[in-house]
Every structure is written in C-alpha cells, then in structure tokens.
Protein backbone atom coordinates (compact mmCIF):
# COMPACT_ATOMS: atom_id res chain seq x y z
CA MET A 1 0.00 0.00 0.00
CA PHE A 2 1.29 3.47 -0.87
CA SER A 3 2.42 5.50 2.13
CA TRP A 4 3.28 9.19 2.12
CA LEU A 5 5.35 8.64 5.28
CA GLY A 6 7.30 5.88 3.55
CA LEU A 7 7.94 8.13 0.56
CA VAL A 8 9.16 10.95 2.80
CA LEU A 9 11.51 8.59 4.64
CA CYS A 10 12.91 7.25 1.36
CA VAL A 11 13.54 10.76 0.05
CA GLY A 12 15.08 11.70 3.39
CA ILE A 13 17.52 8.77 3.35
CA PHE A 14 18.55 9.61 -0.21
CA LEU A 15 19.04 13.32 0.48
CA PHE A 16 20.90 12.69 3.74
CA SER A 17 23.31 10.41 1.89
CA LEU A 18 23.69 12.96 -0.88
CA GLY A 19 24.48 15.75 1.59
CA SER A 20 26.81 13.56 3.66
CA VAL A 21 28.93 12.78 0.60
CA CYS A 22 29.24 16.51 -0.05
CA LEU A 23 30.63 17.09 3.45
CA ILE A 24 32.95 14.09 3.29
CA ARG A 25 34.26 15.29 -0.07
CA GLN A 26 35.41 18.56 1.49
CA TYR A 27 37.43 16.58 4.02
CA ALA A 28 38.69 14.10 1.43
CA LEU A 29 39.99 16.85 -0.87
CA LYS A 30 42.48 17.71 1.89
CA LYS A 31 43.17 14.31 3.45
CA LEU A 32 42.22 11.52 1.02
CA LEU A 33 43.28 12.46 -2.48
CA ASP A 34 43.69 9.47 -4.81
CA VAL A 35 46.62 10.23 -7.14
CA PRO A 36 46.64 8.14 -10.36
CA ASN A 37 49.21 5.33 -10.67
CA PRO A 38 49.85 2.63 -13.32
CA ARG A 39 47.04 0.47 -11.85
CA SER A 40 44.47 3.30 -11.83
CA SER A 41 41.49 3.61 -14.15
CA HIS A 42 41.34 7.39 -13.68
CA GLN A 43 43.65 10.14 -14.90
CA MET A 44 42.97 13.04 -12.52
CA PRO A 45 43.58 13.20 -8.73
CA THR A 46 40.21 12.43 -7.11
CA PRO A 47 39.17 12.33 -3.44
CA ARG A 48 38.17 8.96 -2.00
CA GLY A 49 36.31 7.77 1.09
CA GLY A 50 32.81 8.82 -0.01
CA GLY A 51 31.48 5.38 0.88
CA LEU A 52 31.60 6.47 4.52
CA ALA A 53 28.30 8.25 3.86
CA ILE A 54 26.64 4.98 2.82
CA ALA A 55 27.83 3.25 6.01
CA LEU A 56 26.74 6.08 8.31
CA VAL A 57 23.31 6.55 6.74
CA PHE A 58 22.63 2.82 6.76
CA PHE A 59 23.70 2.57 10.41
CA LEU A 60 21.33 5.38 11.41
CA VAL A 61 18.43 3.55 9.76
CA LEU A 62 19.57 0.34 11.44
CA VAL A 63 19.54 1.98 14.88
CA TRP A 64 16.11 3.47 14.21
CA GLN A 65 14.70 0.10 13.12
CA PHE A 66 16.09 -1.58 16.21
CA TRP A 67 14.86 1.24 18.48
CA VAL A 68 11.26 0.86 17.30
CA GLY A 69 11.46 -2.92 17.74
CA SER A 70 11.47 -3.88 14.06
CA LEU A 71 14.75 -5.82 14.22
CA LYS A 72 15.92 -8.60 16.51
CA TRP A 73 19.10 -8.13 18.52
CA ALA A 74 20.97 -10.75 16.45
CA ASP A 75 19.99 -9.06 13.19
CA PHE A 76 21.02 -5.65 14.54
CA ILE A 77 24.45 -6.94 15.58
CA ALA A 78 25.06 -8.87 12.36
CA LEU A 79 24.33 -5.84 10.17
CA GLY A 80 26.03 -3.44 12.60
CA LEU A 81 29.28 -5.41 12.34
CA GLY A 82 29.61 -3.80 8.93
CA LEU A 83 30.86 -0.71 10.78
CA MET A 84 33.97 -2.65 11.82
CA VAL A 85 34.64 -3.46 8.17
CA ALA A 86 34.02 0.19 7.26
CA ALA A 87 36.37 1.36 10.04
CA ILE A 88 39.33 -0.75 8.91
CA GLY A 89 38.60 0.35 5.35
CA PHE A 90 38.56 4.03 6.33
CA TRP A 91 41.87 3.55 8.12
CA ASP A 92 43.28 1.90 5.00
CA ASP A 93 42.04 4.84 2.91
CA HIS A 94 44.19 7.12 5.06
CA GLN A 95 47.28 4.94 5.24
CA HIS A 96 48.16 1.43 4.21
CA VAL A 97 47.00 -1.20 6.69
CA PRO A 98 48.86 -4.55 6.51
CA ALA A 99 46.80 -7.23 4.78
CA ARG A 100 46.98 -9.52 7.82
CA TRP A 101 45.21 -6.93 9.99
CA ARG A 102 42.54 -6.29 7.40
CA PHE A 103 42.00 -10.03 6.95
CA ALA A 104 41.79 -10.53 10.72
CA VAL A 105 39.02 -7.92 11.01
CA HIS A 106 37.20 -9.38 8.01
CA LEU A 107 37.38 -12.90 9.43
CA ILE A 108 36.31 -11.88 12.93
CA THR A 109 33.30 -9.92 11.69
CA ALA A 110 32.28 -12.76 9.34
CA VAL A 111 32.51 -15.38 12.10
CA ALA A 112 30.60 -13.15 14.53
CA ALA A 113 27.85 -12.45 12.00
CA VAL A 114 27.42 -16.10 10.98
CA TYR A 115 27.49 -17.27 14.62
CA GLY A 116 24.97 -14.62 15.68
CA LEU A 117 22.61 -15.61 12.87
CA ASN A 118 22.98 -19.34 13.67
CA GLY A 119 24.85 -20.09 10.48
CA LEU A 120 23.69 -21.12 7.04
CA PRO A 121 20.32 -22.91 7.19
CA LEU A 122 19.12 -25.61 4.85
CA LEU A 123 20.54 -25.62 1.33
CA ALA A 124 17.68 -26.04 -1.12
CA ILE A 125 18.74 -27.68 -4.38
CA GLY A 126 15.60 -27.99 -6.43
CA PRO A 127 13.18 -30.11 -4.40
CA ILE A 128 15.98 -31.42 -2.15
CA SER A 129 16.88 -29.74 1.15
CA LEU A 130 20.25 -30.41 2.79
CA ASN A 131 21.36 -29.53 6.32
CA LEU A 132 25.06 -28.73 5.97
CA GLY A 133 25.72 -28.19 9.68
CA LEU A 134 29.24 -26.98 10.50
CA LEU A 135 30.25 -27.16 6.84
CA GLY A 136 27.49 -24.71 5.97
CA ASP A 137 28.73 -22.30 8.65
CA MET A 138 32.28 -22.48 7.29
CA VAL A 139 31.04 -21.86 3.76
CA ALA A 140 29.04 -18.85 4.99
CA VAL A 141 32.09 -17.36 6.74
CA LEU A 142 34.38 -17.85 3.75
CA GLY A 143 31.66 -16.53 1.46
CA LEU A 144 31.31 -13.32 3.49
CA VAL A 145 35.07 -12.77 3.56
CA TRP A 146 35.35 -13.37 -0.18
CA LEU A 147 32.36 -11.16 -0.99
CA LEU A 148 33.59 -8.13 0.95
CA ASN A 149 37.04 -8.46 -0.63
CA LEU A 150 35.82 -9.06 -4.17
CA TYR A 151 33.56 -6.02 -3.82
CA ASN A 152 36.68 -4.02 -3.12
CA PHE A 153 38.35 -5.54 -6.21
CA MET A 154 35.36 -4.65 -8.37
CA ASP A 155 35.31 -1.00 -7.29
CA GLY A 156 37.69 0.07 -10.04
CA ILE A 157 35.73 2.35 -12.38
CA ASP A 158 33.27 5.17 -11.85
CA GLY A 159 29.84 4.17 -10.59
CA ILE A 160 30.11 0.39 -10.82
CA ALA A 161 30.17 -0.54 -7.12
CA ALA A 162 27.39 1.87 -6.13
CA SER A 163 25.13 0.90 -9.04
CA GLU A 164 25.64 -2.79 -8.26
CA ALA A 165 24.69 -2.16 -4.63
CA ILE A 166 21.55 -0.32 -5.73
CA PHE A 167 20.53 -3.17 -8.03
CA VAL A 168 21.19 -6.02 -5.59
CA SER A 169 19.75 -4.38 -2.47
CA ALA A 170 16.67 -2.99 -4.27
CA ALA A 171 15.99 -6.42 -5.79
CA LEU A 172 16.41 -8.06 -2.37
CA ALA A 173 13.98 -5.52 -0.89
CA TRP A 174 11.45 -6.54 -3.53
CA PHE A 175 11.87 -10.27 -2.88
CA LEU A 176 11.69 -9.71 0.90
CA CYS A 177 8.69 -7.36 1.07
CA ASP A 178 6.22 -10.17 1.77
CA LEU A 179 8.56 -12.40 3.81
CA ASP A 180 9.93 -9.76 6.19
CA PRO A 181 8.92 -6.10 5.61
CA HIS A 182 11.44 -4.83 8.18
CA LEU A 183 14.38 -6.58 6.54
CA SER A 184 13.06 -5.31 3.23
CA VAL A 185 13.28 -1.77 4.64
CA MET A 186 16.95 -2.30 5.53
CA ALA A 187 17.73 -3.54 2.02
CA LEU A 188 15.88 -0.58 0.49
CA SER A 189 17.75 1.81 2.82
CA LEU A 190 21.05 0.45 1.52
CA ALA A 191 19.88 1.05 -2.05
CA LEU A 192 18.83 4.64 -1.26
CA ALA A 193 22.06 5.44 0.59
CA SER A 194 24.05 4.05 -2.35
CA ALA A 195 21.96 6.11 -4.78
CA GLY A 196 22.84 9.30 -2.90
CA PHE A 197 26.52 8.45 -3.29
CA LEU A 198 26.16 7.42 -6.94
CA LEU A 199 25.22 10.94 -8.00
CA TRP A 200 28.70 12.02 -6.88
CA ASN A 201 30.38 8.91 -8.31
CA TRP A 202 28.69 8.91 -11.74
CA PRO A 203 31.21 9.18 -14.59
CA PRO A 204 33.25 11.31 -14.41
CA ALA A 205 33.41 10.72 -10.66
CA LYS A 206 33.78 13.64 -8.25
CA ILE A 207 34.66 11.28 -5.39
CA PHE A 208 35.53 7.60 -5.06
CA MET A 209 33.94 5.14 -2.66
CA GLY A 210 37.19 3.99 -1.08
CA ASP A 211 37.76 0.82 0.94
CA VAL A 212 35.44 2.21 3.62
CA GLY A 213 32.50 1.84 1.24
CA SER A 214 33.37 -1.17 -0.89
CA GLY A 215 34.17 -3.49 2.02
CA PHE A 216 31.09 -2.30 3.90
CA LEU A 217 28.80 -2.92 0.92
CA GLY A 218 30.21 -6.39 0.26
CA PHE A 219 29.79 -7.40 3.89
CA VAL A 220 26.29 -5.98 4.39
CA LEU A 221 25.00 -7.42 1.11
CA GLY A 222 26.36 -10.81 2.17
CA VAL A 223 24.67 -10.55 5.58
CA LEU A 224 21.38 -9.49 3.99
CA ILE A 225 21.52 -12.54 1.71
CA LEU A 226 22.30 -14.80 4.69
CA MET A 227 19.39 -13.32 6.64
CA SER A 228 17.14 -13.74 3.60
CA THR A 229 18.19 -17.37 3.30
CA GLN A 230 16.97 -17.98 6.85
CA LEU A 231 13.52 -16.86 5.76
CA SER A 232 13.56 -18.97 2.61
CA ALA A 233 16.46 -21.30 1.77
CA ASN A 234 15.90 -20.68 -1.92
CA LEU A 235 16.85 -17.00 -1.57
CA LEU A 236 20.52 -18.02 -1.38
CA PHE A 237 20.32 -18.77 -5.10
CA VAL A 238 18.54 -15.46 -5.68
CA GLY A 239 21.32 -13.53 -3.96
CA LEU A 240 24.07 -15.36 -5.83
CA ILE A 241 22.32 -14.71 -9.15
CA LEU A 242 21.89 -11.00 -8.40
CA LEU A 243 25.63 -10.70 -7.65
CA ALA A 244 26.72 -12.81 -10.61
CA VAL A 245 28.51 -10.02 -12.52
CA PHE A 246 30.80 -9.20 -9.60
CA ILE A 247 31.33 -12.77 -8.40
CA SER A 248 32.08 -14.19 -11.85
CA ASP A 249 34.49 -11.41 -12.89
CA ALA A 250 36.42 -11.41 -9.60
CA THR A 251 36.59 -15.21 -9.37
CA VAL A 252 37.66 -15.80 -12.98
CA THR A 253 40.26 -13.05 -12.66
CA LEU A 254 41.71 -14.51 -9.47
CA ILE A 255 41.86 -18.05 -10.87
CA ARG A 256 43.51 -17.00 -14.13
CA ARG A 257 46.09 -14.85 -12.32
CA TYR A 258 46.92 -17.72 -9.99
CA LEU A 259 47.19 -20.32 -12.76
CA SER A 260 49.39 -18.04 -14.88
CA GLY A 261 51.88 -17.62 -12.05
CA GLN A 262 51.14 -13.95 -11.35
CA LYS A 263 51.32 -12.53 -7.84
CA TRP A 264 47.55 -12.80 -7.48
CA TYR A 265 47.55 -11.20 -4.02
CA LEU A 266 48.91 -7.87 -5.29
CA ALA A 267 46.82 -4.95 -6.57
CA HIS A 268 46.20 -4.98 -10.32
CA CYS A 269 43.89 -3.68 -13.03
CA SER A 270 43.18 -6.83 -15.01
CA HIS A 271 39.52 -7.49 -14.24
CA ALA A 272 37.24 -7.96 -17.24
CA TYR A 273 35.30 -4.79 -16.46
CA GLN A 274 38.57 -2.80 -16.32
CA HIS A 275 39.64 -4.11 -19.73
CA ALA A 276 36.17 -3.21 -21.02
CA ALA A 277 36.40 0.30 -19.56
CA ARG A 278 39.74 0.91 -21.26
CA GLN A 279 38.23 -0.20 -24.56
CA TYR A 280 34.77 1.38 -24.36
CA GLY A 281 34.96 3.92 -21.53
CA HIS A 282 33.55 3.96 -17.99
CA LEU A 283 30.01 5.03 -18.86
CA LYS A 284 29.40 2.43 -21.58
CA THR A 285 30.81 -0.31 -19.37
CA LEU A 286 28.66 0.82 -16.46
CA LEU A 287 25.51 0.84 -18.61
CA ALA A 288 26.37 -2.58 -20.04
CA VAL A 289 26.66 -4.05 -16.53
CA ALA A 290 23.35 -2.41 -15.57
CA GLY A 291 21.73 -3.91 -18.67
CA ILE A 292 23.00 -7.40 -17.81
CA ASN A 293 21.69 -7.00 -14.26
CA VAL A 294 18.22 -5.78 -15.18
CA PHE A 295 17.49 -7.73 -18.35
CA TRP A 296 19.34 -10.99 -17.68
CA LEU A 297 20.01 -11.59 -14.00
CA LEU A 298 16.83 -10.13 -12.51
CA PRO A 299 14.52 -12.41 -14.56
CA LEU A 300 16.69 -15.41 -13.63
CA ALA A 301 16.51 -14.44 -9.96
CA PHE A 302 12.73 -14.17 -10.27
CA LEU A 303 12.65 -17.63 -11.87
CA ALA A 304 14.70 -19.10 -9.02
CA ALA A 305 12.53 -17.38 -6.39
CA LYS A 306 9.14 -18.37 -7.79
CA PHE A 307 10.06 -21.83 -9.08
CA PRO A 308 12.62 -23.36 -6.68
CA VAL A 309 12.86 -26.52 -8.76
CA PHE A 310 14.72 -24.44 -11.37
CA ASN A 311 17.14 -22.71 -8.96
CA VAL A 312 20.24 -24.65 -10.04
CA ALA A 313 19.38 -24.20 -13.72
CA ALA A 314 18.85 -20.45 -13.20
CA LEU A 315 22.16 -20.17 -11.36
CA SER A 316 23.96 -21.98 -14.18
CA MET A 317 22.31 -19.78 -16.81
CA ALA A 318 23.49 -16.72 -14.88
CA TYR A 319 27.12 -17.70 -14.41
CA LEU A 320 28.08 -19.66 -17.51
CA PRO A 321 27.75 -16.81 -20.06
CA LEU A 322 29.27 -14.32 -17.61
CA GLY A 323 32.27 -16.59 -17.09
CA ILE A 324 32.74 -16.84 -20.84
CA LEU A 325 32.37 -13.07 -21.15
CA ALA A 326 35.02 -12.53 -18.48
CA VAL A 327 37.45 -14.75 -20.40
CA LYS A 328 36.58 -12.94 -23.64
CA PHE A 329 37.52 -9.62 -22.02
CA ASN A 330 40.85 -11.07 -20.85
CA ALA A 331 40.06 -11.22 -17.14
CA GLY A 332 43.28 -11.92 -15.25
CA LYS A 333 45.61 -10.87 -18.06
CA SER A 334 47.80 -7.81 -17.62
C-alpha cells in the first residue's frame, strides 16, 4: 500500500546520503586524495572515502529500526558489524593497513555475523533440502570474507560498485517485502544510501567510494543474503544470481592470475570490467553491466525465487555466459 510517510523517509535517506557525501568530499579533498598510478582507471587526482556516507546513513536507519522494535538483537548486531569493516577500510584509505590486519578484522566480523545468525540454514537444491551443519557455517564465513574483498576488487571504475549495490539491495527488498517487511526496509535503505553516493560517483566521478564503502557494501550485502536465506532457503540462489557479474568477474580473474603464475595477491587492473572500460569507456561499461543485471540476472533471480525446482538451472544460466564473457575480455591478463 502506498504510504506518504514511507515516501518521505525514502527521500530523506537519499538526500541525507547525498548531503553527507558533499561534506565528506570537502574533508577528502584535503586528506584523502587518490593520485593516479599505473594500476588506476582514472587520470585526474580524485578524493576517496565517499562510501563512509553509505555506512553512516545505513547505520542510522539500522539503529532506528532496532529502536522501534522492528529488528531482533541478532539481526542488529550482524548488520552493525559492517561498521567494523568500514572502520578498517577508512583507516586503509588514510594509510596502508597490513593485509593480515585487514583479513583478521574481516574474518572476525564474518565469524561473529554467521554465529549470531545461527549459520547457514538448509541448502535447497531444487526439491531437495540439505542440512550442511558446521560445513554450511564455514562456507558462509568464507563466502562473506570473499564477498567483501571481491567487492573491493570490483570497485575500479566510476559508478560500478554503487550501481551494483543499488541493483542487488533494491531487488532483495522486492523479494523480501512479503517475507519480512522490516528486513526489506533495511535492504531498500542500503539502495537509497548508495543512490545518494552514486550521483557524486557517476562518470566522471567527483569522489571515489574507497575501501570504507566497498568493504562495507560487500559485507552488508552478504549478511542481507544470509538473513534472507533464513527466511527462505531458496533465496541463497537469488542472492548469488543477483551478484553474478561481480562474483564471476572477480573469481575468474583470481583463478587466471593464480594459474598463470602472477602474484595474485597484489593490486592490479586486469579485471574484465577494467579491460572493457579501457576499450569502451567507464560510462558504456557501467551501462552494459546495468543492462545485464536488469534484463538478464533479474529475470533469472525471479525464476529461481518463484520456481525453486529451477534454482540450479537459473544459477547456471546466470554464471556460464558471464564466465565466458570474463574470459573474452581477458580477465586476469595484464
């Protein structure tokens, strides 16, 4: 049902994010200027750290939802742990933080979130449901750690990380609206906060997201998918399909770099989307990814959600062509 109050709140979240990025940009112009280097996809010095606005706005909505009793304590903590990921990312935006410390924070927050949410529930493969037990919990932890890191890897051209967050979280809000309206509100809030940032990050970007935003988005999206899976086991497939562009590109790139003997753990600019941006430009690449999301992945996610018997087939249809596309665009090659 349409609600004027809901519309006002949505506009308020968007505008608060938009204004917050403006303030953060003034600080970042003095303290967090990203100077181009051989691995960069930009040519002009640009401030970074604008993703802090997304984290702060989302956290304010989270506190409000918990205060009015719309969220359980475990859900509040699991989503709130994203602030730890944002904090280590913001520190890294200011000065290099050793990988071992970043990984430790990522692992601790992932373990805490999975433990607090009682792990990964049943895995629904078509009509078959499997209880994975401890193995499922380990997969969930590793999945969260990989997702928040790959989201950082995929934040390499103007607008791509924010637009992906808008697509995935808005789609999750739609799938969740009947199952859990309050969780749907949190997903929608993430989309609106990301939209406020995107206006500043649209090509040519006036500010970059930084590690503070990319790690936060990867973690929170992963937690939202895990929480959704507890409502309906089939929503795990929905979440994986919605994120297929990012997961396929990052995974294919990592595997090809490892197999070719490259130092896969070092920063690089050899993702498929980065090769595409050099060939076609940031805007065309961004619009192409948006087109794949809306016209290919969203219908497949809908198919998996409404007809669980086809969830494996829908997942395969999502990833197979994207894997081939990543190889075609030389993912993992310098």
